[in-house]
């Protein structure tokens, strides 16, 4: 199969614009290193919903319960501190106090690579510059 000069230029243009589109789609910034400063438990345990029906079975009652517990983590780098939110505990995420981690920032979340190699997306609550 022969590709002429026009075909070669077309392929080059396609690859160069495709590469530009790849970086414009909100890919995470390059990995950074940080340290978990704190992990704080917030919220409350199981609670009943208000729309519980009279005479409901135990199974229906169990389905009406919900848990409103979350963890707030502080992750610090040399130049910035991130306060992030997760529904999973430090034991599940691997984000234990004073542990070094690798992460990347993407829009309003950071993607952490925990010590087990699993990617975990955490919502950013706020960012602060280091003093």
N, C-alpha and C. Protein backbone atom coordinates (compact mmCIF):
# COMPACT_ATOMS: atom_id res chain seq x y z
N UNK A 1 0.84 -1.17 0.00
CA UNK A 1 0.00 0.00 0.00
C UNK A 1 0.89 1.24 0.00
N UNK A 2 0.64 2.14 -0.93
CA UNK A 2 1.45 3.34 -1.05
C UNK A 2 0.66 4.55 -0.53
N UNK A 3 1.34 5.35 0.22
CA UNK A 3 0.74 6.59 0.70
C UNK A 3 1.52 7.74 0.07
N UNK A 4 0.82 8.59 -0.60
CA UNK A 4 1.47 9.74 -1.23
C UNK A 4 1.77 10.83 -0.23
N UNK A 5 2.38 11.89 -0.70
CA UNK A 5 2.74 13.01 0.15
C UNK A 5 1.49 13.63 0.78
N UNK A 6 0.39 13.71 0.03
CA UNK A 6 -0.85 14.28 0.57
C UNK A 6 -1.41 13.39 1.68
N UNK A 7 -1.32 12.09 1.50
CA UNK A 7 -1.78 11.16 2.54
C UNK A 7 -0.93 11.27 3.79
N UNK A 8 0.37 11.42 3.60
CA UNK A 8 1.29 11.55 4.73
C UNK A 8 0.99 12.83 5.51
N UNK A 9 0.75 13.93 4.79
CA UNK A 9 0.43 15.20 5.45
C UNK A 9 -0.91 15.09 6.17
N UNK A 10 -1.88 14.42 5.55
CA UNK A 10 -3.18 14.24 6.18
C UNK A 10 -3.08 13.46 7.48
N UNK A 11 -2.28 12.40 7.47
CA UNK A 11 -2.09 11.60 8.68
C UNK A 11 -1.40 12.42 9.76
N UNK A 12 -0.40 13.21 9.38
CA UNK A 12 0.33 14.04 10.34
C UNK A 12 -0.60 15.07 10.98
N UNK A 13 -1.46 15.69 10.17
CA UNK A 13 -2.41 16.67 10.70
C UNK A 13 -3.40 15.99 11.64
N UNK A 14 -3.89 14.82 11.27
CA UNK A 14 -4.83 14.09 12.09
C UNK A 14 -4.22 13.73 13.44
N UNK A 15 -2.99 13.24 13.44
CA UNK A 15 -2.34 12.87 14.69
C UNK A 15 -2.06 14.08 15.57
N UNK A 16 -1.65 15.18 14.96
CA UNK A 16 -1.34 16.37 15.77
C UNK A 16 -2.60 16.97 16.38
N UNK A 17 -3.71 17.03 15.64
CA UNK A 17 -4.95 17.56 16.22
C UNK A 17 -5.54 16.59 17.22
N UNK A 18 -5.41 15.31 16.98
CA UNK A 18 -5.90 14.32 17.94
C UNK A 18 -5.16 14.42 19.26
N UNK A 19 -3.85 14.67 19.20
CA UNK A 19 -3.07 14.86 20.42
C UNK A 19 -3.50 16.10 21.17
N UNK A 20 -3.81 17.17 20.45
CA UNK A 20 -4.27 18.40 21.10
C UNK A 20 -5.64 18.16 21.75
N UNK A 21 -6.50 17.42 21.10
CA UNK A 21 -7.81 17.12 21.68
C UNK A 21 -7.68 16.27 22.93
N UNK A 22 -6.72 15.38 22.95
CA UNK A 22 -6.50 14.52 24.10
C UNK A 22 -6.19 15.35 25.34
N UNK A 23 -5.36 16.39 25.18
CA UNK A 23 -5.00 17.22 26.32
C UNK A 23 -6.10 18.21 26.69
N UNK A 24 -7.02 18.49 25.79
CA UNK A 24 -8.09 19.44 26.06
C UNK A 24 -9.32 18.78 26.69
N UNK A 25 -9.34 17.47 26.85
CA UNK A 25 -10.53 16.79 27.34
C UNK A 25 -10.59 16.66 28.86
N UNK A 26 -9.74 17.36 29.58
CA UNK A 26 -9.81 17.31 31.04
C UNK A 26 -9.04 16.15 31.63
N UNK A 27 -8.00 15.72 30.95
CA UNK A 27 -7.16 14.66 31.50
C UNK A 27 -6.53 15.18 32.79
N UNK A 28 -6.25 14.30 33.75
CA UNK A 28 -5.65 14.74 35.00
C UNK A 28 -4.27 15.34 34.78
N UNK A 29 -3.91 16.27 35.64
CA UNK A 29 -2.57 16.84 35.61
C UNK A 29 -1.58 15.76 36.02
N UNK A 30 -0.31 15.94 35.70
CA UNK A 30 0.69 14.91 36.05
C UNK A 30 0.69 14.58 37.54
N UNK A 31 1.11 13.39 37.85
CA UNK A 31 1.10 12.92 39.24
C UNK A 31 1.99 13.79 40.12
N UNK A 32 1.49 14.02 41.32
CA UNK A 32 2.21 14.77 42.34
C UNK A 32 2.30 13.91 43.58
N UNK A 33 3.23 14.23 44.44
CA UNK A 33 3.37 13.52 45.71
C UNK A 33 2.87 14.41 46.83
N UNK A 34 2.21 13.81 47.79
CA UNK A 34 1.72 14.54 48.95
C UNK A 34 1.64 13.62 50.14
N UNK A 35 1.35 14.22 51.28
CA UNK A 35 1.27 13.45 52.52
C UNK A 35 -0.10 13.66 53.14
N UNK A 36 -0.68 12.59 53.65
CA UNK A 36 -1.97 12.68 54.34
C UNK A 36 -1.72 13.27 55.72
N UNK A 37 -2.27 14.46 55.95
CA UNK A 37 -2.07 15.16 57.22
C UNK A 37 -3.09 14.71 58.26
N UNK A 38 -4.35 14.56 57.82
CA UNK A 38 -5.39 14.14 58.76
C UNK A 38 -6.51 13.41 58.04
N UNK A 39 -7.24 12.61 58.81
CA UNK A 39 -8.44 11.92 58.33
C UNK A 39 -9.48 12.07 59.43
N UNK A 40 -10.54 12.82 59.15
CA UNK A 40 -11.54 13.14 60.15
C UNK A 40 -12.89 12.54 59.78
N UNK A 41 -13.51 11.87 60.73
CA UNK A 41 -14.84 11.28 60.53
C UNK A 41 -15.90 12.33 60.82
N UNK A 42 -16.90 12.44 59.93
CA UNK A 42 -17.99 13.40 60.11
C UNK A 42 -19.31 12.71 59.83
N UNK A 43 -20.40 13.37 60.21
CA UNK A 43 -21.72 12.83 59.93
C UNK A 43 -22.27 12.04 61.11
N UNK A 44 -23.26 11.21 60.81
CA UNK A 44 -23.88 10.39 61.85
C UNK A 44 -24.21 9.02 61.27
N UNK A 45 -24.50 8.09 62.14
CA UNK A 45 -24.75 6.72 61.75
C UNK A 45 -26.11 6.52 61.12
N UNK A 46 -26.63 5.29 61.16
CA UNK A 46 -27.91 4.99 60.51
C UNK A 46 -29.04 5.87 61.03
N UNK A 47 -29.89 6.29 60.13
CA UNK A 47 -31.06 7.09 60.49
C UNK A 47 -32.26 6.60 59.71
N UNK A 48 -33.44 6.77 60.26
CA UNK A 48 -34.66 6.35 59.60
C UNK A 48 -35.17 7.48 58.71
N UNK A 49 -35.72 7.12 57.57
CA UNK A 49 -36.35 8.13 56.72
C UNK A 49 -37.72 8.46 57.29
N UNK A 50 -38.21 9.64 57.00
CA UNK A 50 -39.48 10.08 57.55
C UNK A 50 -40.68 9.40 56.91
N UNK A 51 -40.52 8.84 55.72
CA UNK A 51 -41.65 8.25 55.01
C UNK A 51 -41.85 6.77 55.33
N UNK A 52 -41.54 6.37 56.55
CA UNK A 52 -41.71 4.98 56.96
C UNK A 52 -43.21 4.68 57.10
N UNK A 53 -43.65 3.61 56.46
CA UNK A 53 -45.08 3.25 56.48
C UNK A 53 -45.42 2.51 57.76
N UNK A 54 -46.65 2.68 58.18
CA UNK A 54 -47.14 2.00 59.36
C UNK A 54 -47.29 0.51 59.05
N UNK A 55 -46.81 -0.35 59.93
CA UNK A 55 -46.94 -1.79 59.76
C UNK A 55 -46.01 -2.38 58.71
N UNK A 56 -44.87 -1.72 58.44
CA UNK A 56 -43.94 -2.25 57.44
C UNK A 56 -43.14 -3.40 58.03
N UNK A 57 -42.65 -4.27 57.18
CA UNK A 57 -41.87 -5.42 57.62
C UNK A 57 -40.45 -4.99 57.99
N UNK A 58 -39.71 -5.89 58.61
CA UNK A 58 -38.34 -5.59 59.02
C UNK A 58 -37.47 -5.34 57.80
N UNK A 59 -37.72 -6.08 56.71
CA UNK A 59 -36.94 -5.91 55.49
C UNK A 59 -37.16 -4.51 54.90
N UNK A 60 -38.41 -4.05 54.87
CA UNK A 60 -38.72 -2.72 54.36
C UNK A 60 -38.12 -1.65 55.27
N UNK A 61 -38.13 -1.91 56.59
CA UNK A 61 -37.57 -0.96 57.54
C UNK A 61 -36.07 -0.83 57.35
N UNK A 62 -35.41 -1.96 57.09
CA UNK A 62 -33.96 -1.95 56.85
C UNK A 62 -33.63 -1.15 55.59
N UNK A 63 -34.48 -1.27 54.56
CA UNK A 63 -34.26 -0.54 53.31
C UNK A 63 -34.45 0.95 53.52
N UNK A 64 -35.24 1.35 54.52
CA UNK A 64 -35.51 2.76 54.76
C UNK A 64 -34.36 3.42 55.52
N UNK A 65 -33.46 2.63 56.11
CA UNK A 65 -32.33 3.20 56.84
C UNK A 65 -31.27 3.70 55.87
N UNK A 66 -30.59 4.78 56.26
CA UNK A 66 -29.47 5.25 55.46
C UNK A 66 -28.38 5.72 56.39
N UNK A 67 -27.17 5.70 55.91
CA UNK A 67 -26.03 6.14 56.70
C UNK A 67 -25.49 7.42 56.09
N UNK A 68 -25.22 8.39 56.93
CA UNK A 68 -24.71 9.66 56.46
C UNK A 68 -23.36 9.92 57.13
N UNK A 69 -22.38 9.11 56.75
CA UNK A 69 -21.03 9.22 57.31
C UNK A 69 -20.06 9.49 56.18
N UNK A 70 -19.12 10.39 56.40
CA UNK A 70 -18.09 10.67 55.41
C UNK A 70 -16.79 11.00 56.11
N UNK A 71 -15.72 10.92 55.36
CA UNK A 71 -14.38 11.20 55.85
C UNK A 71 -13.84 12.42 55.13
N UNK A 72 -13.22 13.33 55.87
CA UNK A 72 -12.55 14.48 55.29
C UNK A 72 -11.05 14.27 55.47
N UNK A 73 -10.32 14.30 54.36
CA UNK A 73 -8.87 14.11 54.39
C UNK A 73 -8.19 15.42 54.06
N UNK A 74 -7.07 15.69 54.71
CA UNK A 74 -6.22 16.82 54.36
C UNK A 74 -4.94 16.23 53.77
N UNK A 75 -4.65 16.60 52.52
CA UNK A 75 -3.47 16.12 51.82
C UNK A 75 -2.61 17.33 51.49
N UNK A 76 -1.34 17.31 51.92
CA UNK A 76 -0.46 18.46 51.74
C UNK A 76 0.69 18.15 50.79
N UNK A 77 1.00 19.13 49.94
CA UNK A 77 2.20 19.10 49.11
C UNK A 77 3.09 20.25 49.59
N UNK A 78 4.19 20.50 48.89
CA UNK A 78 5.06 21.61 49.27
C UNK A 78 4.39 22.96 49.07
N UNK A 79 3.51 23.07 48.07
CA UNK A 79 2.94 24.37 47.72
C UNK A 79 1.45 24.51 48.05
N UNK A 80 0.74 23.42 48.33
CA UNK A 80 -0.70 23.49 48.49
C UNK A 80 -1.22 22.41 49.44
N UNK A 81 -2.36 22.71 50.06
CA UNK A 81 -3.08 21.73 50.88
C UNK A 81 -4.44 21.51 50.25
N UNK A 82 -4.87 20.26 50.19
CA UNK A 82 -6.16 19.88 49.64
C UNK A 82 -7.02 19.30 50.76
N UNK A 83 -8.26 19.75 50.85
CA UNK A 83 -9.22 19.16 51.76
C UNK A 83 -10.22 18.43 50.87
N UNK A 84 -10.28 17.11 51.02
CA UNK A 84 -11.08 16.28 50.12
C UNK A 84 -12.06 15.42 50.91
N UNK A 85 -13.08 14.93 50.21
CA UNK A 85 -14.18 14.20 50.84
C UNK A 85 -14.31 12.81 50.26
N UNK A 86 -14.58 11.82 51.13
CA UNK A 86 -14.78 10.44 50.70
C UNK A 86 -15.79 9.77 51.61
N UNK A 87 -16.49 8.78 51.08
CA UNK A 87 -17.42 7.98 51.88
C UNK A 87 -16.72 6.75 52.47
N UNK A 88 -15.47 6.52 52.09
CA UNK A 88 -14.75 5.33 52.54
C UNK A 88 -13.76 5.68 53.64
N UNK A 89 -13.56 4.75 54.54
CA UNK A 89 -12.68 4.94 55.69
C UNK A 89 -11.21 4.85 55.28
N UNK A 90 -10.31 5.34 56.14
CA UNK A 90 -8.88 5.25 55.84
C UNK A 90 -8.40 3.81 55.64
N UNK A 91 -9.02 2.86 56.32
CA UNK A 91 -8.62 1.46 56.17
C UNK A 91 -8.94 0.95 54.76
N UNK A 92 -10.08 1.36 54.20
CA UNK A 92 -10.46 0.93 52.86
C UNK A 92 -9.67 1.66 51.78
N UNK A 93 -9.46 2.97 51.97
CA UNK A 93 -8.78 3.76 50.94
C UNK A 93 -7.26 3.66 51.03
N UNK A 94 -6.75 3.36 52.20
CA UNK A 94 -5.29 3.33 52.38
C UNK A 94 -4.72 4.70 52.66
N UNK A 95 -5.58 5.69 52.91
CA UNK A 95 -5.13 7.06 53.18
C UNK A 95 -5.01 7.27 54.68
N UNK A 96 -3.95 6.73 55.23
CA UNK A 96 -3.72 6.78 56.67
C UNK A 96 -2.80 7.95 56.99
N UNK A 97 -3.03 8.57 58.14
CA UNK A 97 -2.28 9.76 58.55
C UNK A 97 -0.77 9.54 58.44
N UNK A 98 -0.08 10.55 57.93
CA UNK A 98 1.38 10.60 57.73
C UNK A 98 1.88 9.68 56.62
N UNK A 99 1.01 9.14 55.81
CA UNK A 99 1.43 8.28 54.70
C UNK A 99 1.63 9.14 53.45
N UNK A 100 2.71 8.86 52.70
CA UNK A 100 2.96 9.56 51.43
C UNK A 100 2.15 8.88 50.33
N UNK A 101 1.54 9.71 49.47
CA UNK A 101 0.72 9.20 48.38
C UNK A 101 1.06 9.93 47.09
N UNK A 102 0.63 9.35 45.99
CA UNK A 102 0.74 9.96 44.67
C UNK A 102 -0.66 10.27 44.18
N UNK A 103 -0.86 11.48 43.61
CA UNK A 103 -2.20 11.85 43.13
C UNK A 103 -2.08 12.80 41.95
N UNK A 104 -3.19 12.96 41.25
CA UNK A 104 -3.28 13.94 40.18
C UNK A 104 -4.60 14.69 40.34
N UNK A 105 -4.60 15.93 39.86
CA UNK A 105 -5.78 16.79 40.00
C UNK A 105 -6.55 16.82 38.69
N UNK A 106 -7.87 16.72 38.79
CA UNK A 106 -8.74 16.75 37.60
C UNK A 106 -10.02 17.48 37.96
N UNK A 107 -10.21 18.66 37.40
CA UNK A 107 -11.38 19.51 37.65
C UNK A 107 -11.58 19.69 39.15
N UNK A 108 -12.69 19.21 39.70
CA UNK A 108 -12.99 19.42 41.12
C UNK A 108 -12.71 18.18 41.96
N UNK A 109 -11.79 17.34 41.50
CA UNK A 109 -11.44 16.16 42.29
C UNK A 109 -9.96 15.83 42.11
N UNK A 110 -9.46 15.04 43.03
CA UNK A 110 -8.12 14.49 42.86
C UNK A 110 -8.26 12.98 42.77
N UNK A 111 -7.37 12.39 42.00
CA UNK A 111 -7.35 10.94 41.83
C UNK A 111 -6.08 10.45 42.53
N UNK A 112 -6.30 9.71 43.61
CA UNK A 112 -5.21 9.23 44.45
C UNK A 112 -4.88 7.79 44.07
N UNK A 113 -3.60 7.49 44.02
CA UNK A 113 -3.16 6.10 43.86
C UNK A 113 -2.78 5.64 45.26
N UNK A 114 -3.62 4.76 45.83
CA UNK A 114 -3.36 4.33 47.20
C UNK A 114 -2.22 3.31 47.22
N UNK A 115 -1.73 2.94 48.40
CA UNK A 115 -0.59 2.01 48.48
C UNK A 115 -0.83 0.65 47.82
N UNK A 116 -2.09 0.27 47.64
CA UNK A 116 -2.40 -1.01 46.97
C UNK A 116 -2.46 -0.85 45.45
N UNK A 117 -2.25 0.38 44.94
CA UNK A 117 -2.26 0.62 43.49
C UNK A 117 -3.63 0.92 42.92
N UNK A 118 -4.64 1.08 43.76
CA UNK A 118 -6.01 1.36 43.30
C UNK A 118 -6.20 2.87 43.17
N UNK A 119 -6.86 3.31 42.08
CA UNK A 119 -7.18 4.73 41.90
C UNK A 119 -8.47 5.06 42.62
N UNK A 120 -8.42 6.14 43.42
CA UNK A 120 -9.58 6.56 44.18
C UNK A 120 -9.83 8.03 43.88
N UNK A 121 -11.05 8.36 43.42
CA UNK A 121 -11.42 9.74 43.13
C UNK A 121 -12.03 10.37 44.37
N UNK A 122 -11.49 11.52 44.78
CA UNK A 122 -11.97 12.23 45.95
C UNK A 122 -12.37 13.64 45.56
N UNK A 123 -13.52 14.09 46.01
CA UNK A 123 -14.01 15.44 45.67
C UNK A 123 -13.26 16.48 46.50
N UNK A 124 -12.80 17.52 45.82
CA UNK A 124 -12.08 18.62 46.50
C UNK A 124 -13.11 19.55 47.15
N UNK A 125 -12.97 19.73 48.46
CA UNK A 125 -13.80 20.70 49.17
C UNK A 125 -13.19 22.09 49.09
N UNK A 126 -11.85 22.16 49.31
CA UNK A 126 -11.15 23.43 49.18
C UNK A 126 -9.65 23.20 49.03
N UNK A 127 -8.99 24.20 48.43
CA UNK A 127 -7.54 24.19 48.27
C UNK A 127 -6.98 25.44 48.94
N UNK A 128 -5.83 25.28 49.57
CA UNK A 128 -5.17 26.42 50.20
C UNK A 128 -3.70 26.42 49.83
N UNK A 129 -3.17 27.60 49.56
CA UNK A 129 -1.75 27.74 49.28
C UNK A 129 -0.97 27.59 50.59
N UNK A 130 0.21 26.98 50.50
CA UNK A 130 1.06 26.81 51.68
C UNK A 130 1.59 28.17 52.12
N UNK A 131 1.68 28.35 53.41
CA UNK A 131 2.17 29.64 53.95
C UNK A 131 3.63 29.60 54.22
